[in-house]
Amino acid sequence: MDYTHRLAVALGYDPEKFNAPFVIAKGKGEVAEKIIDEAEKSGVPIVSSPELVRKLYRLQILEEIPDDLYIAVAQILVFVKNL
């Protein structure tokens, strides 16, 4: 399988330090696969949203998500909470 274009972004949220969810890890290709593997091993839910991950991938590590992505990320958080 060719993973050279696969992207992964991991988000975190710490309301004591940040006003919004922020990027804690990101990668493409093999790095993306390692992020996904570690999430699976740790029981972290994984959601596939290619359009959203492309937008989030543009952010830097520890950068908060922009206002225009709040709704999309909130929908994912609600989905994950209901798993």
PDB file of N, CA and C in Angstrom:
ATOM      1  N   MET A   1       0.847  -1.182   0.000  1.00  0.00           N
ATOM      2  CA  MET A   1       0.000   0.000   0.000  1.00  0.00           C
ATOM      3  C   MET A   1       0.893   1.247   0.000  1.00  0.00           C
ATOM      4  N   ASP A   2       0.544   2.246  -0.766  1.00  0.00           N
ATOM      5  CA  ASP A   2       1.329   3.476  -0.872  1.00  0.00           C
ATOM      6  C   ASP A   2       0.782   4.521   0.098  1.00  0.00           C
ATOM      7  N   TYR A   3       1.571   4.837   1.129  1.00  0.00           N
ATOM      8  CA  TYR A   3       1.150   5.806   2.132  1.00  0.00           C
ATOM      9  C   TYR A   3       1.847   7.151   1.981  1.00  0.00           C
ATOM     10  N   THR A   4       2.484   7.406   0.856  1.00  0.00           N
ATOM     11  CA  THR A   4       3.266   8.625   0.704  1.00  0.00           C
ATOM     12  C   THR A   4       2.421   9.885   0.820  1.00  0.00           C
ATOM     13  N   HIS A   5       1.130   9.803   0.537  1.00  0.00           N
ATOM     14  CA  HIS A   5       0.287  10.990   0.610  1.00  0.00           C
ATOM     15  C   HIS A   5      -0.669  10.963   1.799  1.00  0.00           C
ATOM     16  N   ARG A   6      -0.549   9.960   2.633  1.00  0.00           N
ATOM     17  CA  ARG A   6      -1.425   9.847   3.802  1.00  0.00           C
ATOM     18  C   ARG A   6      -1.023  10.885   4.839  1.00  0.00           C
ATOM     19  N   LEU A   7      -2.009  11.560   5.410  1.00  0.00           N
ATOM     20  CA  LEU A   7      -1.766  12.568   6.444  1.00  0.00           C
ATOM     21  C   LEU A   7      -2.454  12.147   7.733  1.00  0.00           C
ATOM     22  N   ALA A   8      -1.882  12.564   8.854  1.00  0.00           N
ATOM     23  CA  ALA A   8      -2.508  12.351  10.155  1.00  0.00           C
ATOM     24  C   ALA A   8      -2.246  13.572  11.014  1.00  0.00           C
ATOM     25  N   VAL A   9      -3.256  13.962  11.778  1.00  0.00           N
ATOM     26  CA  VAL A   9      -3.126  15.071  12.722  1.00  0.00           C
ATOM     27  C   VAL A   9      -3.772  14.623  14.025  1.00  0.00           C
ATOM     28  N   ALA A  10      -3.040  14.807  15.118  1.00  0.00           N
ATOM     29  CA  ALA A  10      -3.578  14.503  16.446  1.00  0.00           C
ATOM     30  C   ALA A  10      -3.869  15.818  17.151  1.00  0.00           C
ATOM     31  N   LEU A  11      -5.055  15.899  17.752  1.00  0.00           N
ATOM     32  CA  LEU A  11      -5.456  17.110  18.462  1.00  0.00           C
ATOM     33  C   LEU A  11      -5.488  16.863  19.959  1.00  0.00           C
ATOM     34  N   GLY A  12      -5.228  17.916  20.700  1.00  0.00           N
ATOM     35  CA  GLY A  12      -5.335  17.875  22.151  1.00  0.00           C
ATOM     36  C   GLY A  12      -6.151  19.064  22.607  1.00  0.00           C
ATOM     37  N   TYR A  13      -6.528  19.035  23.883  1.00  0.00           N
ATOM     38  CA  TYR A  13      -7.258  20.166  24.435  1.00  0.00           C
ATOM     39  C   TYR A  13      -6.913  20.298  25.912  1.00  0.00           C
ATOM     40  N   ASP A  14      -6.444  21.460  26.299  1.00  0.00           N
ATOM     41  CA  ASP A  14      -6.105  21.768  27.681  1.00  0.00           C
ATOM     42  C   ASP A  14      -6.669  23.152  27.982  1.00  0.00           C
ATOM     43  N   PRO A  15      -7.884  23.201  28.543  1.00  0.00           N
ATOM     44  CA  PRO A  15      -8.535  24.499  28.747  1.00  0.00           C
ATOM     45  C   PRO A  15      -7.794  25.427  29.703  1.00  0.00           C
ATOM     46  N   GLU A  16      -6.864  24.894  30.471  1.00  0.00           N
ATOM     47  CA  GLU A  16      -6.085  25.745  31.371  1.00  0.00           C
ATOM     48  C   GLU A  16      -4.987  26.499  30.630  1.00  0.00           C
ATOM     49  N   LYS A  17      -4.583  25.980  29.477  1.00  0.00           N
ATOM     50  CA  LYS A  17      -3.484  26.600  28.722  1.00  0.00           C
ATOM     51  C   LYS A  17      -3.892  27.129  27.356  1.00  0.00           C
ATOM     52  N   PHE A  18      -4.965  26.571  26.799  1.00  0.00           N
ATOM     53  CA  PHE A  18      -5.378  26.924  25.445  1.00  0.00           C
ATOM     54  C   PHE A  18      -6.863  27.269  25.422  1.00  0.00           C
ATOM     55  N   ASN A  19      -7.236  28.113  24.485  1.00  0.00           N
ATOM     56  CA  ASN A  19      -8.638  28.491  24.324  1.00  0.00           C
ATOM     57  C   ASN A  19      -9.408  27.547  23.411  1.00  0.00           C
ATOM     58  N   ALA A  20      -8.690  26.720  22.666  1.00  0.00           N
ATOM     59  CA  ALA A  20      -9.309  25.826  21.684  1.00  0.00           C
ATOM     60  C   ALA A  20      -8.456  24.570  21.557  1.00  0.00           C
ATOM     61  N   PRO A  21      -8.991  23.519  20.931  1.00  0.00           N
ATOM     62  CA  PRO A  21      -8.153  22.353  20.640  1.00  0.00           C
ATOM     63  C   PRO A  21      -6.937  22.790  19.814  1.00  0.00           C
ATOM     64  N   PHE A  22      -5.851  22.046  19.961  1.00  0.00           N
ATOM     65  CA  PHE A  22      -4.603  22.399  19.287  1.00  0.00           C
ATOM     66  C   PHE A  22      -3.931  21.148  18.730  1.00  0.00           C
ATOM     67  N   VAL A  23      -3.018  21.343  17.805  1.00  0.00           N
ATOM     68  CA  VAL A  23      -2.299  20.240  17.171  1.00  0.00           C
ATOM     69  C   VAL A  23      -1.209  19.747  18.120  1.00  0.00           C
ATOM     70  N   ILE A  24      -1.230  18.437  18.405  1.00  0.00           N
ATOM     71  CA  ILE A  24      -0.170  17.877  19.246  1.00  0.00           C
ATOM     72  C   ILE A  24       0.809  17.024  18.437  1.00  0.00           C
ATOM     73  N   ALA A  25       0.374  16.578  17.263  1.00  0.00           N
ATOM     74  CA  ALA A  25       1.263  15.804  16.387  1.00  0.00           C
ATOM     75  C   ALA A  25       0.689  15.845  14.985  1.00  0.00           C
ATOM     76  N   LYS A  26       1.581  15.781  14.006  1.00  0.00           N
ATOM     77  CA  LYS A  26       1.135  15.689  12.622  1.00  0.00           C
ATOM     78  C   LYS A  26       2.231  15.034  11.809  1.00  0.00           C
ATOM     79  N   GLY A  27       1.831  14.405  10.724  1.00  0.00           N
ATOM     80  CA  GLY A  27       2.816  13.766   9.873  1.00  0.00           C
ATOM     81  C   GLY A  27       2.189  13.294   8.583  1.00  0.00           C
ATOM     82  N   LYS A  28       3.058  12.925   7.649  1.00  0.00           N
ATOM     83  CA  LYS A  28       2.589  12.360   6.388  1.00  0.00           C
ATOM     84  C   LYS A  28       3.378  11.101   6.090  1.00  0.00           C
ATOM     85  N   GLY A  29       2.811  10.271   5.250  1.00  0.00           N
ATOM     86  CA  GLY A  29       3.473   9.030   4.882  1.00  0.00           C
ATOM     87  C   GLY A  29       3.703   8.119   6.079  1.00  0.00           C
ATOM     88  N   GLU A  30       4.936   7.676   6.251  1.00  0.00           N
ATOM     89  CA  GLU A  30       5.264   6.753   7.337  1.00  0.00           C
ATOM     90  C   GLU A  30       5.037   7.377   8.709  1.00  0.00           C
ATOM     91  N   VAL A  31       5.294   8.675   8.839  1.00  0.00           N
ATOM     92  CA  VAL A  31       5.057   9.346  10.124  1.00  0.00           C
ATOM     93  C   VAL A  31       3.571   9.334  10.455  1.00  0.00           C
ATOM     94  N   ALA A  32       2.730   9.561   9.462  1.00  0.00           N
ATOM     95  CA  ALA A  32       1.282   9.499   9.668  1.00  0.00           C
ATOM     96  C   ALA A  32       0.876   8.107  10.143  1.00  0.00           C
ATOM     97  N   GLU A  33       1.436   7.087   9.526  1.00  0.00           N
ATOM     98  CA  GLU A  33       1.114   5.720   9.924  1.00  0.00           C
ATOM     99  C   GLU A  33       1.525   5.458  11.363  1.00  0.00           C
ATOM    100  N   LYS A  34       2.676   5.987  11.776  1.00  0.00           N
ATOM    101  CA  LYS A  34       3.131   5.802  13.161  1.00  0.00           C
ATOM    102  C   LYS A  34       2.200   6.519  14.138  1.00  0.00           C
ATOM    103  N   ILE A  35       1.743   7.710  13.776  1.00  0.00           N
ATOM    104  CA  ILE A  35       0.795   8.440  14.633  1.00  0.00           C
ATOM    105  C   ILE A  35      -0.481   7.619  14.786  1.00  0.00           C
ATOM    106  N   ILE A  36      -0.984   7.086  13.686  1.00  0.00           N
ATOM    107  CA  ILE A  36      -2.207   6.281  13.710  1.00  0.00           C
ATOM    108  C   ILE A  36      -1.992   5.007  14.525  1.00  0.00           C
ATOM    109  N   ASP A  37      -0.865   4.342  14.325  1.00  0.00           N
ATOM    110  CA  ASP A  37      -0.567   3.116  15.078  1.00  0.00           C
ATOM    111  C   ASP A  37      -0.518   3.380  16.579  1.00  0.00           C
ATOM    112  N   GLU A  38       0.149   4.467  16.978  1.00  0.00           N
ATOM    113  CA  GLU A  38       0.245   4.804  18.396  1.00  0.00           C
ATOM    114  C   GLU A  38      -1.124   5.137  18.980  1.00  0.00           C
ATOM    115  N   ALA A  39      -1.935   5.830  18.218  1.00  0.00           N
ATOM    116  CA  ALA A  39      -3.296   6.141  18.679  1.00  0.00           C
ATOM    117  C   ALA A  39      -4.084   4.856  18.892  1.00  0.00           C
ATOM    118  N   GLU A  40      -3.988   3.934  17.938  1.00  0.00           N
ATOM    119  CA  GLU A  40      -4.698   2.664  18.065  1.00  0.00           C
ATOM    120  C   GLU A  40      -4.230   1.893  19.285  1.00  0.00           C
ATOM    121  N   LYS A  41      -2.909   1.824  19.502  1.00  0.00           N
ATOM    122  CA  LYS A  41      -2.355   1.106  20.653  1.00  0.00           C
ATOM    123  C   LYS A  41      -2.815   1.721  21.971  1.00  0.00           C
ATOM    124  N   SER A  42      -2.997   3.033  21.979  1.00  0.00           N
ATOM    125  CA  SER A  42      -3.377   3.748  23.201  1.00  0.00           C
ATOM    126  C   SER A  42      -4.884   3.855  23.390  1.00  0.00           C
ATOM    127  N   GLY A  43      -5.644   3.327  22.439  1.00  0.00           N
ATOM    128  CA  GLY A  43      -7.097   3.395  22.544  1.00  0.00           C
ATOM    129  C   GLY A  43      -7.676   4.760  22.218  1.00  0.00           C
ATOM    130  N   VAL A  44      -6.911   5.578  21.514  1.00  0.00           N
ATOM    131  CA  VAL A  44      -7.386   6.899  21.110  1.00  0.00           C
ATOM    132  C   VAL A  44      -8.261   6.731  19.868  1.00  0.00           C
ATOM    133  N   PRO A  45      -9.474   7.268  19.897  1.00  0.00           N
ATOM    134  CA  PRO A  45     -10.346   7.141  18.722  1.00  0.00           C
ATOM    135  C   PRO A  45      -9.734   7.815  17.491  1.00  0.00           C
ATOM    136  N   ILE A  46      -9.950   7.202  16.350  1.00  0.00           N
ATOM    137  CA  ILE A  46      -9.449   7.721  15.080  1.00  0.00           C
ATOM    138  C   ILE A  46     -10.639   8.009  14.185  1.00  0.00           C
ATOM    139  N   VAL A  47     -10.663   9.210  13.642  1.00  0.00           N
ATOM    140  CA  VAL A  47     -11.737   9.621  12.746  1.00  0.00           C
ATOM    141  C   VAL A  47     -11.105   9.987  11.416  1.00  0.00           C
ATOM    142  N   SER A  48     -11.656   9.461  10.345  1.00  0.00           N
ATOM    143  CA  SER A  48     -11.155   9.771   9.014  1.00  0.00           C
ATOM    144  C   SER A  48     -11.967  10.911   8.407  1.00  0.00           C
ATOM    145  N   SER A  49     -11.283  12.011   8.133  1.00  0.00           N
ATOM    146  CA  SER A  49     -11.908  13.169   7.496  1.00  0.00           C
ATOM    147  C   SER A  49     -10.836  13.845   6.642  1.00  0.00           C
ATOM    148  N   PRO A  50     -10.644  13.350   5.413  1.00  0.00           N
ATOM    149  CA  PRO A  50      -9.555  13.849   4.570  1.00  0.00           C
ATOM    150  C   PRO A  50      -9.534  15.367   4.385  1.00  0.00           C
ATOM    151  N   GLU A  51     -10.684  15.969   4.164  1.00  0.00           N
ATOM    152  CA  GLU A  51     -10.713  17.419   3.954  1.00  0.00           C
ATOM    153  C   GLU A  51     -10.282  18.165   5.211  1.00  0.00           C
ATOM    154  N   LEU A  52     -10.774  17.731   6.360  1.00  0.00           N
ATOM    155  CA  LEU A  52     -10.419  18.388   7.619  1.00  0.00           C
ATOM    156  C   LEU A  52      -8.945  18.183   7.949  1.00  0.00           C
ATOM    157  N   VAL A  53      -8.431  16.980   7.753  1.00  0.00           N
ATOM    158  CA  VAL A  53      -7.027  16.733   8.091  1.00  0.00           C
ATOM    159  C   VAL A  53      -6.105  17.567   7.204  1.00  0.00           C
ATOM    160  N   ARG A  54      -6.478  17.787   5.955  1.00  0.00           N
ATOM    161  CA  ARG A  54      -5.655  18.640   5.087  1.00  0.00           C
ATOM    162  C   ARG A  54      -5.593  20.069   5.634  1.00  0.00           C
ATOM    163  N   LYS A  55      -6.712  20.559   6.149  1.00  0.00           N
ATOM    164  CA  LYS A  55      -6.728  21.908   6.726  1.00  0.00           C
ATOM    165  C   LYS A  55      -5.937  21.955   8.030  1.00  0.00           C
ATOM    166  N   LEU A  56      -6.109  20.940   8.867  1.00  0.00           N
ATOM    167  CA  LEU A  56      -5.397  20.908  10.136  1.00  0.00           C
ATOM    168  C   LEU A  56      -3.896  20.718   9.944  1.00  0.00           C
ATOM    169  N   TYR A  57      -3.525  20.001   8.893  1.00  0.00           N
ATOM    170  CA  TYR A  57      -2.104  19.730   8.633  1.00  0.00           C
ATOM    171  C   TYR A  57      -1.324  21.018   8.372  1.00  0.00           C
ATOM    172  N   ARG A  58      -1.994  22.046   7.918  1.00  0.00           N
ATOM    173  CA  ARG A  58      -1.322  23.326   7.653  1.00  0.00           C
ATOM    174  C   ARG A  58      -0.902  24.041   8.937  1.00  0.00           C
ATOM    175  N   LEU A  59      -1.487  23.646  10.064  1.00  0.00           N
ATOM    176  CA  LEU A  59      -1.170  24.275  11.344  1.00  0.00           C
ATOM    177  C   LEU A  59       0.151  23.756  11.891  1.00  0.00           C
ATOM    178  N   GLN A  60       0.750  24.527  12.777  1.00  0.00           N
ATOM    179  CA  GLN A  60       1.989  24.134  13.430  1.00  0.00           C
ATOM    180  C   GLN A  60       1.671  23.360  14.710  1.00  0.00           C
ATOM    181  N   ILE A  61       2.633  22.615  15.210  1.00  0.00           N
ATOM    182  CA  ILE A  61       2.482  21.923  16.482  1.00  0.00           C
ATOM    183  C   ILE A  61       2.204  22.972  17.568  1.00  0.00           C
ATOM    184  N   LEU A  62       1.244  22.695  18.427  1.00  0.00           N
ATOM    185  CA  LEU A  62       0.775  23.561  19.514  1.00  0.00           C
ATOM    186  C   LEU A  62      -0.035  24.763  19.036  1.00  0.00           C
ATOM    187  N   GLU A  63      -0.337  24.827  17.745  1.00  0.00           N
ATOM    188  CA  GLU A  63      -1.176  25.905  17.242  1.00  0.00           C
ATOM    189  C   GLU A  63      -2.645  25.525  17.433  1.00  0.00           C
ATOM    190  N   GLU A  64      -3.417  26.470  17.964  1.00  0.00           N
ATOM    191  CA  GLU A  64      -4.843  26.239  18.148  1.00  0.00           C
ATOM    192  C   GLU A  64      -5.549  26.186  16.797  1.00  0.00           C
ATOM    193  N   ILE A  65      -6.633  25.405  16.765  1.00  0.00           N
ATOM    194  CA  ILE A  65      -7.394  25.350  15.524  1.00  0.00           C
ATOM    195  C   ILE A  65      -8.030  26.720  15.280  1.00  0.00           C
ATOM    196  N   PRO A  66      -8.152  27.137  14.028  1.00  0.00           N
ATOM    197  CA  PRO A  66      -8.776  28.427  13.736  1.00  0.00           C
ATOM    198  C   PRO A  66     -10.298  28.374  13.914  1.00  0.00           C
ATOM    199  N   ASP A  67     -10.873  29.546  14.092  1.00  0.00           N
ATOM    200  CA  ASP A  67     -12.323  29.661  14.318  1.00  0.00           C
ATOM    201  C   ASP A  67     -13.147  28.947  13.258  1.00  0.00           C
ATOM    202  N   ASP A  68     -12.709  28.992  12.007  1.00  0.00           N
ATOM    203  CA  ASP A  68     -13.519  28.412  10.936  1.00  0.00           C
ATOM    204  C   ASP A  68     -13.561  26.879  10.978  1.00  0.00           C
ATOM    205  N   LEU A  69     -12.740  26.257  11.840  1.00  0.00           N
ATOM    206  CA  LEU A  69     -12.770  24.794  11.964  1.00  0.00           C
ATOM    207  C   LEU A  69     -13.436  24.330  13.255  1.00  0.00           C
ATOM    208  N   TYR A  70     -13.900  25.264  14.091  1.00  0.00           N
ATOM    209  CA  TYR A  70     -14.528  24.906  15.368  1.00  0.00           C
ATOM    210  C   TYR A  70     -15.681  23.923  15.189  1.00  0.00           C
ATOM    211  N   ILE A  71     -16.576  24.213  14.279  1.00  0.00           N
ATOM    212  CA  ILE A  71     -17.766  23.371  14.121  1.00  0.00           C
ATOM    213  C   ILE A  71     -17.376  21.970  13.683  1.00  0.00           C
ATOM    214  N   ALA A  72     -16.491  21.856  12.715  1.00  0.00           N
ATOM    215  CA  ALA A  72     -16.072  20.539  12.230  1.00  0.00           C
ATOM    216  C   ALA A  72     -15.401  19.735  13.340  1.00  0.00           C
ATOM    217  N   VAL A  73     -14.524  20.381  14.095  1.00  0.00           N
ATOM    218  CA  VAL A  73     -13.835  19.673  15.182  1.00  0.00           C
ATOM    219  C   VAL A  73     -14.824  19.335  16.295  1.00  0.00           C
ATOM    220  N   ALA A  74     -15.740  20.232  16.597  1.00  0.00           N
ATOM    221  CA  ALA A  74     -16.750  19.958  17.625  1.00  0.00           C
ATOM    222  C   ALA A  74     -17.606  18.755  17.240  1.00  0.00           C
ATOM    223  N   GLN A  75     -17.970  18.648  15.983  1.00  0.00           N
ATOM    224  CA  GLN A  75     -18.762  17.504  15.526  1.00  0.00           C
ATOM    225  C   GLN A  75     -17.992  16.204  15.719  1.00  0.00           C
ATOM    226  N   ILE A  76     -16.707  16.236  15.459  1.00  0.00           N
ATOM    227  CA  ILE A  76     -15.881  15.042  15.656  1.00  0.00           C
ATOM    228  C   ILE A  76     -15.792  14.701  17.135  1.00  0.00           C
ATOM    229  N   LEU A  77     -15.608  15.722  17.986  1.00  0.00           N
ATOM    230  CA  LEU A  77     -15.519  15.471  19.424  1.00  0.00           C
ATOM    231  C   LEU A  77     -16.811  14.865  19.963  1.00  0.00           C
ATOM    232  N   VAL A  78     -17.953  15.332  19.481  1.00  0.00           N
ATOM    233  CA  VAL A  78     -19.233  14.760  19.893  1.00  0.00           C
ATOM    234  C   VAL A  78     -19.336  13.311  19.420  1.00  0.00           C
ATOM    235  N   PHE A  79     -18.928  13.055  18.178  1.00  0.00           N
ATOM    236  CA  PHE A  79     -18.948  11.698  17.646  1.00  0.00           C
ATOM    237  C   PHE A  79     -18.080  10.774  18.496  1.00  0.00           C
ATOM    238  N   VAL A  80     -16.860  11.233  18.806  1.00  0.00           N
ATOM    239  CA  VAL A  80     -15.919  10.420  19.587  1.00  0.00           C
ATOM    240  C   VAL A  80     -16.480  10.174  20.994  1.00  0.00           C
ATOM    241  N   LYS A  81     -17.061  11.188  21.590  1.00  0.00           N
ATOM    242  CA  LYS A  81     -17.622  11.046  22.935  1.00  0.00           C
ATOM    243  C   LYS A  81     -18.723  10.003  22.962  1.00  0.00           C
ATOM    244  N   ASN A  82     -19.475   9.886  21.878  1.00  0.00           N
ATOM    245  CA  ASN A  82     -20.586   8.948  21.815  1.00  0.00           C
ATOM    246  C   ASN A  82     -20.175   7.529  21.418  1.00  0.00           C
ATOM    247  N   LEU A  83     -18.905   7.313  21.158  1.00  0.00           N
ATOM    248  CA  LEU A  83     -18.452   5.958  20.787  1.00  0.00           C
ATOM    249  C   LEU A  83     -18.569   4.998  21.953  1.00  0.00           C
TER     250      LEU A  83
END
